[in-house]
Protein backbone atom coordinates (compact mmCIF):
# COMPACT_ATOMS: atom_id res chain seq x y z
CA MET A 1 4.56 16.17 32.61
CA THR A 2 2.75 13.06 31.46
CA ALA A 3 4.65 10.90 28.99
CA VAL A 4 3.15 10.76 25.53
CA PRO A 5 3.30 7.86 23.06
CA HIS A 6 5.94 8.09 20.36
CA THR A 7 4.48 7.41 16.91
CA SER A 8 6.38 6.64 13.73
CA ILE A 9 6.02 4.29 10.79
CA ALA A 10 8.10 3.33 7.80
CA PRO A 11 7.40 5.50 4.72
CA ALA A 12 5.08 4.09 2.04
CA SER A 13 6.51 2.79 -1.21
CA PRO A 14 6.79 5.38 -4.03
CA ALA A 15 4.01 3.64 -5.96
CA ASP A 16 1.63 3.69 -2.99
CA ALA A 17 2.45 7.33 -2.24
CA GLU A 18 1.80 8.35 -5.84
CA ARG A 19 -1.49 6.47 -5.85
CA PHE A 20 -2.99 8.14 -2.79
CA ARG A 21 -1.85 11.60 -3.94
CA THR A 22 -3.59 11.14 -7.28
CA ASP A 23 -6.64 9.67 -5.53
CA PHE A 24 -6.82 12.77 -3.36
CA VAL A 25 -6.69 15.14 -6.34
CA ARG A 26 -9.46 13.18 -8.05
CA PHE A 27 -11.50 13.21 -4.82
CA ALA A 28 -11.06 17.00 -4.59
CA THR A 29 -12.25 17.51 -8.16
CA GLU A 30 -15.29 15.28 -7.63
CA LEU A 31 -16.40 17.48 -4.71
CA GLY A 32 -15.64 20.74 -6.50
CA VAL A 33 -12.93 21.57 -3.97
CA LEU A 34 -10.44 21.66 -6.85
CA ARG A 35 -11.77 23.43 -9.93
CA PHE A 36 -10.29 24.50 -13.24
CA GLY A 37 -11.05 27.73 -15.08
CA THR A 38 -9.94 31.32 -14.39
CA PHE A 39 -9.79 32.43 -10.77
CA THR A 40 -8.36 35.45 -8.99
CA THR A 41 -6.26 34.39 -6.02
CA LYS A 42 -5.91 36.28 -2.74
CA ALA A 43 -2.61 37.61 -4.13
CA GLY A 44 -4.43 39.00 -7.17
CA ARG A 45 -3.08 36.43 -9.63
CA LEU A 46 -5.16 34.85 -12.36
CA SER A 47 -4.90 31.16 -11.66
CA PRO A 48 -6.14 28.33 -13.93
CA TYR A 49 -7.18 26.32 -10.89
CA PHE A 50 -8.60 26.97 -7.46
CA PHE A 51 -8.51 24.85 -4.30
CA ASN A 52 -11.09 25.64 -1.62
CA ALA A 53 -10.82 23.26 1.33
CA GLY A 54 -13.91 24.88 2.86
CA LEU A 55 -15.97 22.84 0.40
CA PHE A 56 -15.12 19.64 2.28
CA ASP A 57 -18.38 20.45 4.03
CA SER A 58 -20.14 17.20 4.90
CA GLY A 59 -19.46 14.49 7.43
CA ALA A 60 -18.55 11.96 4.75
CA ALA A 61 -16.27 14.41 2.94
CA VAL A 62 -14.37 15.39 6.10
CA ALA A 63 -14.05 11.75 7.15
CA ARG A 64 -12.51 10.87 3.77
CA LEU A 65 -10.28 13.95 3.90
CA ALA A 66 -9.03 12.91 7.33
CA GLU A 67 -8.11 9.50 5.95
CA PHE A 68 -5.89 11.22 3.39
CA TYR A 69 -4.29 13.38 6.07
CA ALA A 70 -3.59 10.33 8.23
CA GLN A 71 -2.23 8.37 5.28
CA ALA A 72 0.06 11.22 4.21
CA LEU A 73 1.41 11.70 7.73
CA LEU A 74 2.09 8.02 8.33
CA ALA A 75 3.59 7.60 4.86
CA SER A 76 6.01 10.48 5.49
CA GLY A 77 7.85 8.62 8.23
CA VAL A 78 7.75 11.70 10.49
CA GLU A 79 7.99 10.81 14.17
CA PHE A 80 5.35 12.55 16.26
CA ASP A 81 3.63 12.50 19.63
CA MET A 82 0.56 14.67 19.13
CA LEU A 83 -1.34 16.92 16.71
CA TYR A 84 -2.15 20.63 16.79
CA GLY A 85 -4.68 22.57 14.68
CA PRO A 86 -4.58 26.38 14.41
CA ALA A 87 -7.96 28.13 14.57
CA TYR A 88 -10.14 28.14 12.68
CA LYS A 89 -9.72 25.75 9.76
CA GLY A 90 -7.26 23.60 11.68
CA ILE A 91 -9.80 22.75 14.37
CA PRO A 92 -11.98 20.30 12.41
CA LEU A 93 -8.93 19.06 10.50
CA VAL A 94 -6.95 18.12 13.59
CA THR A 95 -9.98 16.54 15.26
CA ALA A 96 -10.89 14.42 12.25
CA THR A 97 -7.26 13.44 11.57
CA ALA A 98 -6.80 12.29 15.17
CA MET A 99 -9.86 10.08 14.75
CA ALA A 100 -8.56 8.69 11.44
CA LEU A 101 -5.19 7.90 13.02
CA ALA A 102 -6.90 6.14 15.93
CA THR A 103 -8.71 3.81 13.52
CA ARG A 104 -5.27 2.92 12.14
CA GLY A 105 -3.93 2.04 15.58
CA HIS A 106 -2.27 5.39 16.36
CA ASP A 107 -4.27 6.98 19.18
CA VAL A 108 -2.52 10.28 19.85
CA PRO A 109 -3.61 13.40 21.76
CA PHE A 110 -4.49 16.64 19.98
CA ALA A 111 -5.08 20.30 20.74
CA PHE A 112 -6.16 23.50 19.06
CA ASN A 113 -6.17 27.17 20.00
CA ARG A 114 -8.77 29.85 20.51
CA LYS A 115 -8.42 33.11 18.62
CA GLU A 116 -9.00 34.90 21.93
CA ALA A 117 -7.87 33.51 25.28
CA LYS A 118 -10.68 32.38 27.58
CA ASP A 119 -10.77 34.42 30.80
CA HIS A 120 -13.02 32.10 32.82
CA GLY A 121 -13.25 28.41 33.64
CA GLU A 122 -9.99 26.69 32.75
CA GLY A 123 -8.87 29.84 30.93
CA GLY A 124 -6.08 30.10 28.38
CA ALA A 125 -5.86 29.96 24.61
CA LEU A 126 -5.39 26.20 24.25
CA VAL A 127 -8.11 23.54 24.08
CA GLY A 128 -7.35 19.84 24.38
CA ALA A 129 -4.20 18.03 25.42
CA PRO A 130 -1.16 19.92 26.73
CA LEU A 131 1.44 20.68 24.06
CA GLN A 132 4.33 18.31 24.64
CA GLY A 133 6.72 16.11 22.73
CA ARG A 134 6.91 16.27 18.93
CA VAL A 135 3.90 18.16 17.56
CA VAL A 136 2.48 18.03 14.02
CA ILE A 137 0.67 21.21 12.92
CA ILE A 138 -2.31 20.50 10.64
CA ASP A 139 -3.77 23.09 8.25
CA ASP A 140 -5.26 23.21 4.75
CA VAL A 141 -2.64 25.19 2.80
CA ILE A 142 0.29 27.52 3.43
CA THR A 143 0.01 30.95 1.81
CA ALA A 144 1.72 33.71 3.81
CA GLY A 145 2.69 31.25 6.56
CA THR A 146 1.20 33.44 9.31
CA SER A 147 -0.74 30.71 11.10
CA VAL A 148 2.29 28.42 10.94
CA ARG A 149 4.53 31.03 12.58
CA GLU A 150 1.95 31.61 15.32
CA SER A 151 1.63 27.85 15.86
CA MET A 152 5.40 27.44 16.07
CA ARG A 153 5.61 30.15 18.73
CA MET A 154 2.86 28.55 20.80
CA ILE A 155 4.42 25.09 20.58
CA GLU A 156 7.91 26.32 21.43
CA ALA A 157 6.58 28.45 24.31
CA ALA A 158 5.21 25.21 25.79
CA ARG A 159 8.72 23.69 25.39
CA ALA A 160 7.42 21.21 22.86
CA THR A 161 8.97 20.58 19.44
CA PRO A 162 7.36 21.27 16.05
CA ALA A 163 7.77 17.95 14.21
CA ALA A 164 6.15 18.82 10.87
CA VAL A 165 3.45 20.85 9.18
CA LEU A 166 0.80 18.74 7.45
CA ILE A 167 -1.28 20.38 4.70
CA ALA A 168 -3.70 19.27 2.01
CA LEU A 169 -2.15 20.94 -1.05
CA ASP A 170 1.22 22.46 -1.89
CA ARG A 171 0.68 24.92 -4.77
CA MET A 172 4.47 24.97 -5.30
CA GLU A 173 4.49 28.65 -6.25
CA ARG A 174 6.57 31.67 -5.38
CA VAL A 175 5.08 34.61 -3.52
CA GLY A 176 5.24 38.35 -4.13
CA ALA A 177 4.47 40.76 -6.96
CA ASP A 178 5.19 39.64 -10.52
CA ASP A 179 8.24 41.91 -10.69
CA ALA A 180 9.54 40.85 -7.27
CA LEU A 181 8.87 37.14 -6.95
CA SER A 182 10.52 35.31 -4.08
CA LYS A 183 13.10 32.65 -4.82
CA HIS A 184 11.21 30.13 -2.73
CA SER A 185 7.60 29.11 -2.19
CA ALA A 186 5.80 29.71 1.10
CA VAL A 187 6.23 26.01 1.88
CA GLN A 188 9.98 26.13 1.19
CA ASP A 189 10.29 29.26 3.35
CA VAL A 190 8.65 27.46 6.28
CA GLN A 191 11.02 24.51 5.88
CA GLN A 192 14.10 26.71 5.65
CA THR A 193 13.13 29.23 8.32
CA HIS A 194 11.93 26.77 10.93
CA GLY A 195 13.89 23.68 9.95
CA CYS A 196 10.61 21.79 10.00
CA PRO A 197 9.39 19.50 7.20
CA VAL A 198 6.14 20.29 5.41
CA VAL A 199 4.15 17.22 4.37
CA SER A 200 1.38 17.68 1.81
CA ILE A 201 -1.23 15.18 0.73
CA ALA A 202 -0.76 16.40 -2.84
CA SER A 203 0.92 19.16 -4.84
CA LEU A 204 0.71 20.95 -8.17
CA ASP A 205 2.73 18.08 -9.65
CA ASP A 206 -0.08 15.71 -8.71
CA ILE A 207 -2.68 17.98 -10.30
CA LEU A 208 -0.68 17.87 -13.52
CA ALA A 209 -0.33 14.10 -13.19
CA LEU A 210 -4.12 13.80 -13.05
CA ILE A 211 -4.46 15.97 -16.14
CA GLU A 212 -1.94 13.78 -17.98
CA GLN A 213 -3.77 10.62 -16.91
CA ASP A 214 -7.04 12.11 -18.10
CA GLY A 215 -5.90 11.51 -21.70
CA GLY A 216 -8.12 13.93 -23.57
CA GLY A 217 -10.90 13.98 -20.97
CA GLU A 218 -12.47 16.97 -19.22
CA PHE A 219 -9.22 18.11 -17.60
CA GLU A 220 -7.01 18.01 -20.69
CA GLN A 221 -8.25 21.39 -21.93
CA HIS A 222 -6.66 23.05 -18.89
CA ARG A 223 -3.22 21.46 -19.31
CA GLU A 224 -1.50 24.31 -21.17
CA ALA A 225 -2.88 26.96 -18.83
CA VAL A 226 -1.67 25.09 -15.74
CA LEU A 227 1.76 24.51 -17.31
CA ALA A 228 2.03 28.22 -18.21
CA TYR A 229 1.07 29.22 -14.67
CA ARG A 230 3.70 26.89 -13.22
CA ALA A 231 6.33 28.24 -15.61
CA LYS A 232 5.59 31.78 -14.44
CA TYR A 233 5.16 31.28 -10.70
CA GLY A 234 6.30 27.77 -9.91
CA VAL A 235 9.30 26.40 -8.04
CA ALA A 236 11.11 23.13 -8.60
């Protein structure tokens, strides 16, 4: 097994971390990735905001998004050796993030999986570098946690170690029906079940921080609805 570089960096200061989280939320609103209004979620809830990472759909947008992913990962202080992106959304995310890290002096290998194993050529379900060392899983959000569980199994089967899960937004909300809400969010469940940290570029707290900073601007009208939604479904 080829040795892989070991990458870590001291965490960013609280002020710097807060700044890039708020910058990311503002960036997401400018592109329409984060919108306010009334939306029905996959779970059937009426949410006052909606985050659709699929709308990071241009070269410039994905390049900027990757910078935020790289910044969040390096600021977290997580030690890692390579990156892994679960198909399908994780494929462009892991590729772009690896490029953004390289421009910051952290050239690390990456891999992603196929939904169906290839039965010709090199074969297998994995594309890219072999899974080894401490692996960071990159995705957009965690909802049911299915892709994370599948990624964990693949990484552990290769005798590598899941180092962290890196996502764009933590909605900080409990899962389940209104009369049977879980005690923890999907993100908290991943951390507790797998003993693996989840690093997010931003969270619901940062969305509310942007609304507060808006000071009577276009986002202020949604403040009470977002607060009510957090009170009903949110976790600390």
